[in-house]
Protein backbone atom coordinates (compact mmCIF):
# COMPACT_ATOMS: atom_id res chain seq x y z
CA MET A 1 10.91 5.93 -50.80
CA THR A 2 14.42 6.27 -49.32
CA ARG A 3 15.51 3.37 -47.09
CA LEU A 4 18.01 3.78 -44.29
CA HIS A 5 21.22 1.77 -44.35
CA PRO A 6 21.14 -1.09 -41.75
CA ILE A 7 24.00 0.54 -39.82
CA MET A 8 22.05 3.82 -39.66
CA CYS A 9 18.98 1.95 -38.44
CA HIS A 10 21.03 0.33 -35.72
CA LEU A 11 22.48 3.68 -34.62
CA PHE A 12 19.02 5.23 -34.68
CA PHE A 13 17.71 2.43 -32.45
CA ILE A 14 20.54 2.97 -29.96
CA LEU A 15 19.77 6.70 -29.94
CA LEU A 16 16.10 6.07 -29.20
CA GLN A 17 16.98 3.72 -26.34
CA SER A 18 19.35 6.29 -24.89
CA LEU A 19 16.76 9.02 -25.12
CA ARG A 20 14.18 6.79 -23.42
CA LEU A 21 16.55 6.09 -20.52
CA VAL A 22 17.44 9.74 -20.04
CA LEU A 23 13.83 10.82 -20.14
CA ALA A 24 12.83 8.14 -17.66
CA TRP A 25 15.58 8.51 -15.12
CA ASP A 26 17.37 11.82 -15.71
CA HIS A 27 20.53 10.37 -14.15
CA LEU A 28 22.83 12.99 -12.69
CA PRO A 29 26.59 12.60 -12.31
CA GLU A 30 28.33 12.96 -8.95
CA GLU A 31 29.54 16.52 -9.59
CA THR A 32 26.02 17.72 -10.44
CA PHE A 33 24.00 15.88 -7.81
CA ARG A 34 25.04 17.94 -4.76
CA ASP A 35 24.49 21.28 -6.47
CA THR A 36 21.07 20.19 -7.70
CA VAL A 37 19.70 19.10 -4.31
CA ALA A 38 21.33 22.03 -2.50
CA GLN A 39 19.59 24.58 -4.73
CA GLY A 40 16.14 23.03 -4.62
CA ASP A 41 13.48 23.44 -1.94
CA THR A 42 11.96 20.09 -2.93
CA VAL A 43 13.97 17.54 -4.90
CA LEU A 44 12.96 13.89 -4.99
CA VAL A 45 15.82 11.55 -5.78
CA ALA A 46 15.61 7.91 -6.85
CA PHE A 47 18.79 5.97 -6.18
CA VAL A 48 18.53 3.05 -8.59
CA ALA A 49 20.38 0.14 -10.11
CA PRO A 50 18.80 0.17 -13.60
CA ASP A 51 19.79 -3.40 -14.45
CA GLU A 52 18.10 -4.87 -11.35
CA PRO A 53 14.45 -5.96 -11.61
CA LYS A 54 13.10 -3.80 -8.79
CA SER A 55 14.63 -0.61 -10.17
CA ALA A 56 13.53 -1.51 -13.70
CA ALA A 57 9.96 -1.99 -12.46
CA LEU A 58 9.99 1.50 -10.92
CA GLU A 59 10.97 3.20 -14.20
CA THR A 60 7.52 3.52 -15.79
CA GLU A 61 5.88 4.91 -12.66
CA TRP A 62 8.80 7.25 -12.03
CA LEU A 63 8.51 8.62 -15.57
CA ALA A 64 4.78 9.22 -15.09
CA ALA A 65 5.38 10.97 -11.76
CA ALA A 66 8.18 13.13 -13.21
CA ALA A 67 6.01 14.19 -16.13
CA GLU A 68 3.22 15.35 -13.81
CA SER A 69 5.20 16.83 -10.94
CA LYS A 70 5.94 20.54 -10.56
CA ASP A 71 8.90 19.60 -8.34
CA ARG A 72 12.22 18.22 -9.52
CA LEU A 73 12.48 14.43 -9.76
CA ILE A 74 15.96 13.14 -10.54
CA SER A 75 17.80 9.85 -10.28
CA ILE A 76 21.24 8.53 -9.51
CA ASN A 77 22.59 5.45 -11.27
CA CYS A 78 24.11 3.47 -8.42
CA GLY A 79 25.54 1.02 -10.95
CA ASP A 80 27.94 3.77 -12.01
CA PRO A 81 31.26 3.50 -10.11
CA ASP A 82 31.40 7.30 -9.90
CA SER A 83 27.94 7.66 -8.36
CA SER A 84 27.28 9.21 -4.96
CA CYS A 85 25.41 6.17 -3.64
CA ASP A 86 28.21 5.03 -1.33
CA HIS A 87 28.43 8.48 0.22
CA GLU A 88 24.67 8.56 0.80
CA GLY A 89 24.61 5.12 2.45
CA VAL A 90 21.90 4.00 0.06
CA GLU A 91 20.69 0.46 0.70
CA PRO A 92 18.65 -1.39 -0.43
CA LEU A 93 17.97 -0.20 -3.97
CA PRO A 94 15.93 1.41 -5.28
CA MET A 95 15.64 4.05 -2.57
CA ILE A 96 13.62 7.25 -2.95
CA VAL A 97 14.69 10.20 -0.80
CA LEU A 98 13.24 13.70 -0.51
CA PHE A 99 15.79 16.51 -0.18
CA ASN A 100 15.27 20.09 0.94
CA LYS A 101 18.13 22.57 0.54
CA GLY A 102 20.61 19.70 0.38
CA ASP A 103 19.29 17.82 3.43
CA ALA A 104 17.56 14.43 3.23
CA ILE A 105 14.30 14.98 5.09
CA ALA A 106 12.25 11.86 4.33
CA HIS A 107 12.45 8.40 2.76
CA TYR A 108 9.61 7.13 0.61
CA ARG A 109 8.42 3.69 1.68
CA GLY A 110 5.12 3.45 -0.15
CA PRO A 111 4.06 1.58 -3.29
CA ALA A 112 5.91 2.06 -6.59
CA ARG A 113 2.97 3.97 -8.06
CA ALA A 114 3.16 7.42 -9.63
CA ALA A 115 0.16 8.91 -7.80
CA ALA A 116 1.39 7.55 -4.47
CA ILE A 117 4.87 8.99 -5.03
CA LEU A 118 3.44 12.42 -5.86
CA GLY A 119 1.13 12.22 -2.86
CA PHE A 120 4.13 11.61 -0.61
CA VAL A 121 5.91 14.73 -1.92
CA ALA A 122 2.79 16.85 -1.41
CA ARG A 123 2.38 15.59 2.17
CA GLN A 124 5.97 16.41 3.04
CA LYS A 125 5.52 19.97 1.76
CA ARG A 126 2.52 20.54 4.05
CA PRO A 127 2.65 21.03 7.81
CA ILE A 128 2.18 17.82 9.79
CA VAL A 129 -1.24 19.23 10.67
CA SER A 130 -2.61 21.96 8.41
CA THR A 131 -4.91 24.69 9.69
CA VAL A 132 -7.79 24.67 7.21
CA ARG A 133 -10.01 27.67 6.55
CA ALA A 134 -13.68 27.25 5.71
CA GLU A 135 -13.19 28.36 2.10
CA ASP A 136 -10.38 25.82 1.59
CA LEU A 137 -12.07 22.84 3.20
CA VAL A 138 -13.65 21.33 0.07
CA ALA A 139 -10.34 21.28 -1.78
CA PHE A 140 -8.42 20.07 1.28
CA LYS A 141 -10.67 17.02 1.68
CA MET A 142 -9.62 15.97 -1.84
CA ALA A 143 -5.91 16.78 -1.42
CA ASP A 144 -4.81 13.18 -0.88
CA GLU A 145 -6.04 9.61 -1.22
CA THR A 146 -6.76 9.65 2.53
CA VAL A 147 -7.42 12.87 4.47
CA LEU A 148 -8.19 13.21 8.18
CA VAL A 149 -9.75 16.43 9.47
CA ALA A 150 -10.30 17.29 13.14
CA TYR A 151 -13.19 19.68 13.80
CA LEU A 152 -12.34 21.33 17.10
CA ASP A 153 -13.13 24.16 19.46
CA PRO A 154 -10.02 26.40 19.43
CA ASP A 155 -9.88 26.32 23.24
CA ASP A 156 -10.16 22.52 23.52
CA HIS A 157 -6.49 21.52 23.71
CA ALA A 158 -6.64 17.81 24.66
CA PRO A 159 -8.28 16.63 21.39
CA ALA A 160 -5.88 18.80 19.38
CA GLU A 161 -2.88 17.25 21.12
CA ALA A 162 -4.19 13.71 20.60
CA PHE A 163 -4.81 14.44 16.92
CA ALA A 164 -1.31 15.90 16.52
CA ASP A 165 0.16 12.73 18.04
CA VAL A 166 -1.49 10.43 15.49
CA ALA A 167 -0.64 12.87 12.68
CA MET A 168 3.03 12.66 13.61
CA GLN A 169 2.84 8.86 13.55
CA TYR A 170 1.12 8.54 10.16
CA ARG A 171 2.24 11.69 8.29
CA ASP A 172 4.11 9.64 5.68
CA GLU A 173 0.86 7.97 4.63
CA PHE A 174 -2.03 10.39 5.19
CA THR A 175 -2.87 14.11 5.18
CA PHE A 176 -4.06 15.79 8.39
CA GLY A 177 -5.87 19.08 9.00
CA ILE A 178 -7.65 20.98 11.79
CA VAL A 179 -10.76 23.12 11.36
CA THR A 180 -11.81 25.54 14.13
CA ASP A 181 -13.85 27.92 12.01
CA PRO A 182 -17.49 27.94 13.31
CA THR A 183 -18.74 28.57 9.77
CA ALA A 184 -17.14 25.33 8.58
CA LEU A 185 -18.64 23.40 11.50
CA LEU A 186 -22.11 24.68 10.62
CA THR A 187 -21.65 23.98 6.92
CA GLN A 188 -20.41 20.43 7.56
CA LYS A 189 -23.11 19.86 10.23
CA ILE A 190 -20.47 18.58 12.65
CA VAL A 191 -20.43 19.11 16.41
CA ALA A 192 -16.91 19.61 17.76
CA PRO A 193 -14.86 17.79 18.79
CA ALA A 194 -14.90 15.18 16.03
CA VAL A 195 -12.55 13.70 13.43
CA MET A 196 -13.61 12.81 9.92
CA CYS A 197 -11.68 10.46 7.66
CA TYR A 198 -12.20 11.18 3.96
CA LYS A 199 -11.00 8.12 2.07
CA VAL A 200 -10.95 9.59 -1.42
CA ILE A 201 -9.50 6.43 -2.95
CA ASP A 202 -12.70 4.53 -2.05
CA GLY A 203 -15.19 7.40 -1.76
CA ASP A 204 -15.81 6.62 1.93
CA THR A 205 -16.08 8.74 5.06
CA SER A 206 -15.79 7.72 8.72
CA LYS A 207 -16.38 9.69 11.92
CA PHE A 208 -14.67 9.59 15.30
CA ALA A 209 -16.90 11.10 18.01
CA PRO A 210 -17.35 11.71 20.85
CA PHE A 211 -13.88 12.35 22.27
CA ASP A 212 -14.67 10.60 25.55
CA ASP A 213 -11.67 8.25 25.22
CA LEU A 214 -8.72 9.81 23.42
CA SER A 215 -6.76 6.55 23.63
CA ARG A 216 -9.16 5.08 21.06
CA LEU A 217 -8.17 7.58 18.38
CA ASP A 218 -5.09 5.69 17.21
CA GLU A 219 -7.00 2.42 16.77
CA TRP A 220 -9.77 4.25 14.95
CA VAL A 221 -7.27 5.85 12.54
CA LYS A 222 -5.76 2.45 11.73
CA GLU A 223 -9.12 1.02 10.73
CA ALA A 224 -10.75 4.12 9.21
CA THR A 225 -7.84 4.68 6.82
CA ARG A 226 -7.68 1.07 5.60
CA PRO A 227 -8.66 0.92 1.90
CA VAL A 228 -11.06 -1.70 0.59
CA ILE A 229 -8.01 -3.27 -1.06
CA SER A 230 -4.75 -2.13 0.53
CA GLU A 231 -1.34 -1.98 -1.10
CA LEU A 232 1.06 -3.85 1.15
CA THR A 233 3.98 -1.67 2.28
CA VAL A 234 6.57 -1.76 5.04
CA LEU A 235 4.53 0.98 6.72
CA ASN A 236 1.23 -0.88 6.95
CA GLN A 237 2.19 -4.57 7.00
CA LYS A 238 2.32 -4.97 10.76
CA ARG A 239 -0.94 -3.16 11.50
CA LEU A 240 -2.81 -5.07 8.78
CA LEU A 241 -1.65 -8.35 10.29
CA GLU A 242 -2.62 -7.14 13.75
CA ARG A 243 -6.27 -6.90 12.65
CA GLY A 244 -6.30 -10.67 13.08
CA TRP A 245 -8.71 -11.36 10.24
CA PRO A 246 -7.71 -13.61 7.31
CA MET A 247 -5.24 -11.97 4.92
CA VAL A 248 -6.17 -12.23 1.23
CA TYR A 249 -2.91 -11.79 -0.70
CA LEU A 250 -3.10 -10.81 -4.37
CA PHE A 251 0.25 -10.94 -6.17
CA ALA A 252 0.96 -9.43 -9.59
CA LYS A 253 4.23 -8.43 -11.25
CA LYS A 254 3.33 -5.08 -12.84
CA GLU A 255 1.63 -2.06 -11.31
CA SER A 256 -0.92 -2.06 -14.14
CA GLU A 257 -1.76 -5.70 -13.36
CA ARG A 258 -2.18 -4.98 -9.66
CA GLN A 259 -4.51 -2.09 -10.39
CA GLN A 260 -6.52 -4.31 -12.73
CA LEU A 261 -6.91 -6.80 -9.89
CA ARG A 262 -8.07 -3.95 -7.66
CA LYS A 263 -10.70 -2.98 -10.22
CA THR A 264 -11.83 -6.56 -10.86
CA LEU A 265 -12.09 -7.61 -7.20
CA TYR A 266 -13.17 -4.31 -5.66
CA ARG A 267 -16.83 -5.21 -5.14
CA PHE A 268 -15.88 -8.59 -3.71
CA ALA A 269 -13.42 -7.00 -1.26
CA ARG A 270 -15.94 -4.37 -0.22
CA SER A 271 -18.52 -7.05 0.53
CA TYR A 272 -16.07 -8.72 2.94
CA TYR A 273 -14.34 -5.55 4.11
CA ASP A 274 -14.98 -6.15 7.83
CA SER A 275 -14.07 -9.84 7.92
CA LEU A 276 -11.13 -10.05 5.47
CA THR A 277 -7.99 -7.99 4.91
CA SER A 278 -7.41 -7.80 1.16
CA VAL A 279 -4.00 -6.64 -0.03
CA LEU A 280 -2.21 -6.17 -3.35
CA VAL A 281 1.43 -7.23 -3.21
CA ASP A 282 4.38 -6.31 -5.38
CA PRO A 283 6.47 -9.53 -5.27
CA LEU A 284 9.64 -7.52 -5.85
CA GLU A 285 8.92 -5.42 -2.76
CA PHE A 286 8.35 -8.52 -0.60
CA PRO A 287 10.55 -11.21 -2.21
CA ASP A 288 10.26 -13.63 0.73
CA LEU A 289 6.49 -13.47 1.09
CA MET A 290 5.44 -15.80 -1.72
CA PRO A 291 7.88 -18.58 -0.69
CA SER A 292 6.79 -18.22 2.95
CA LEU A 293 3.20 -18.79 1.81
CA GLY A 294 4.21 -21.79 -0.28
CA LEU A 295 3.69 -20.01 -3.62
CA ASP A 296 5.98 -20.21 -6.65
CA PRO A 297 7.27 -16.64 -7.33
CA SER A 298 7.57 -17.43 -11.05
CA ILE A 299 3.82 -18.01 -11.41
CA LEU A 300 1.92 -14.72 -11.46
CA PRO A 301 -0.68 -13.47 -10.84
CA ALA A 302 -1.31 -15.55 -7.74
CA GLY A 303 -3.45 -15.50 -4.64
CA ALA A 304 -3.53 -17.01 -1.18
CA VAL A 305 -5.44 -16.69 2.07
CA HIS A 306 -3.64 -16.79 5.41
CA GLN A 307 -6.02 -17.76 8.22
CA LEU A 308 -4.17 -16.03 11.02
CA SER A 309 -6.00 -17.49 14.01
CA LYS A 310 -4.91 -21.04 13.11
CA ASP A 311 -1.88 -20.13 11.00
CA ARG A 312 -3.29 -21.96 7.98
CA ILE A 313 -2.56 -21.02 4.38
CA TYR A 314 -4.82 -21.75 1.41
CA HIS A 315 -3.58 -21.36 -2.18
CA TYR A 316 -5.90 -19.99 -4.82
CA PRO A 317 -5.97 -22.53 -7.70
CA ARG A 318 -3.45 -21.75 -10.43
CA ASP A 319 -5.85 -22.81 -13.16
CA LYS A 320 -8.61 -20.38 -12.14
CA LEU A 321 -8.94 -16.72 -13.06
CA LEU A 322 -8.93 -14.22 -10.21
CA ASN A 323 -12.47 -12.92 -10.64
CA PRO A 324 -15.24 -12.25 -8.07
CA SER A 325 -17.48 -15.26 -8.74
CA THR A 326 -14.67 -17.82 -8.80
CA LEU A 327 -12.96 -16.29 -5.78
CA GLN A 328 -16.21 -16.25 -3.81
CA GLN A 329 -16.96 -19.89 -4.57
CA TRP A 330 -13.39 -20.90 -3.68
CA GLY A 331 -13.62 -18.91 -0.44
CA LEU A 332 -16.87 -20.68 0.42
CA ASP A 333 -15.21 -24.05 -0.17
CA VAL A 334 -12.37 -23.03 2.15
CA TYR A 335 -14.81 -21.77 4.79
CA GLN A 336 -16.83 -24.99 4.73
CA GLY A 337 -13.75 -27.18 4.98
CA ARG A 338 -13.84 -28.69 1.48
CA ILE A 339 -10.29 -27.48 0.76
CA LYS A 340 -7.30 -28.47 2.85
CA PRO A 341 -4.66 -25.92 3.75
CA TRP A 342 -1.14 -26.01 2.33
CA THR A 343 1.30 -28.14 4.29
CA PRO A 344 4.96 -27.03 4.20
CA PRO A 345 7.39 -29.65 2.83
CA GLY A 346 8.58 -32.08 5.49
CA VAL A 347 5.71 -31.25 7.87
CA THR A 348 3.20 -33.93 8.82
CA THR A 349 -0.11 -32.44 9.90
CA SER A 350 -3.62 -33.76 10.41
CA TYR A 351 -6.51 -31.33 10.15
CA ASP A 352 -9.48 -32.57 12.14
CA ASP A 353 -11.46 -29.35 11.88
CA LEU A 354 -11.24 -27.35 8.67
CA GLY A 355 -14.45 -25.41 9.16
CA PRO A 356 -15.15 -22.08 10.88
CA THR A 357 -14.07 -21.70 14.49
CA ARG A 358 -13.96 -19.11 17.21
CA ALA A 359 -10.34 -18.32 18.00
CA ALA A 360 -9.62 -17.41 21.62
CA ASN A 361 -6.44 -15.41 22.12
CA ALA A 362 -4.56 -17.53 19.59
CA ARG A 363 -0.84 -16.92 19.35
CA VAL A 364 0.20 -16.77 15.74
CA SER A 365 3.74 -16.60 14.40
CA ILE A 366 3.75 -14.59 11.16
CA PRO A 367 6.41 -15.82 8.71
CA THR A 368 6.66 -12.47 6.91
CA ILE A 369 7.93 -10.64 9.99
CA PRO A 370 10.57 -12.83 11.64
CA GLY A 371 10.28 -12.98 15.40
CA VAL A 372 6.97 -11.12 15.64
CA THR A 373 4.15 -12.75 17.60
CA ILE A 374 0.68 -11.24 17.49
CA ARG A 375 -2.15 -11.81 19.93
CA ILE A 376 -5.45 -12.05 18.13
CA ALA A 377 -8.79 -11.47 19.79
CA GLY A 378 -11.41 -14.16 19.25
CA HIS A 379 -13.81 -13.87 16.31
CA ASP A 380 -15.40 -16.02 13.65
CA GLU A 381 -13.41 -16.22 10.44
CA LEU A 382 -12.29 -18.59 7.71
């Protein structure tokens, strides 16, 4: 058997690494970038700094999205002095921008997950509110991880306007459609006006009816679209905190690890869906969150509960696996006051009541959003 010379092996290794990088990122030089986005109806561009951890973490998911997408996904190496990043005003990195005929039309601010990235592109290619025919309804309900469909009388304008308003507000996250076909209403056994939320990611449906108070629609959308275990993003962070229920933070470094946590803890989170807000967190996306909760960013995976009504933080034990039985027993110990909350360094605090309480209009300062104060309605919680 012929053996390669060590120098040839080394060169072959370098070639493989180069091919891997090109396949993953498809970096374009400055002179090519403008022509590429100008000629394409839909071009998704990742502005990255490949040597930085956050950009490096995106690579695998970007490669998976590029392999599946029918649209063009390209990248710009902002570490290259000749890149176009300065001209585009790109900051912070990585930044994902959707271009149409040379114009930047939307910025992606969701999780660094291939399916979520592709879902964003598909949403941007649709109208803000799609008109759905009866024969297309089944497929449309499965077109995204979360789909909202308004079943309306074509002459009833007020519900349509209210639905269009919430669609405009949440179009970056969810897919919206309107059905006015009487055949579809009969088939679905729905009396108009009504809105259905099809949460494909969890297999759930929710209904908003009757339309006697249109001002309630926005609040309903916020809650109906919330997954059993959310992925924390800059788009949903504030509204998840505004629920007021205890936040269960689950931190993991890799996307595959976060999805494994979702799978492992799904039944637990569903059992406490109404009284807890469970979220997966990419520590690279929220670098200040773990320190603000008193957690060591170098120790992952990690978990913590933030009792919002009393602004108390409880750390999940480092020596315990994050599994349903252990998490449930630990949560019970917290609830019954057997575990004391974390005390920030230099703070002297006495906790006279560690058990369940009824919070009445508590004012809570959230460390993850500087300067934001949230009023929380009273309810029993941790």
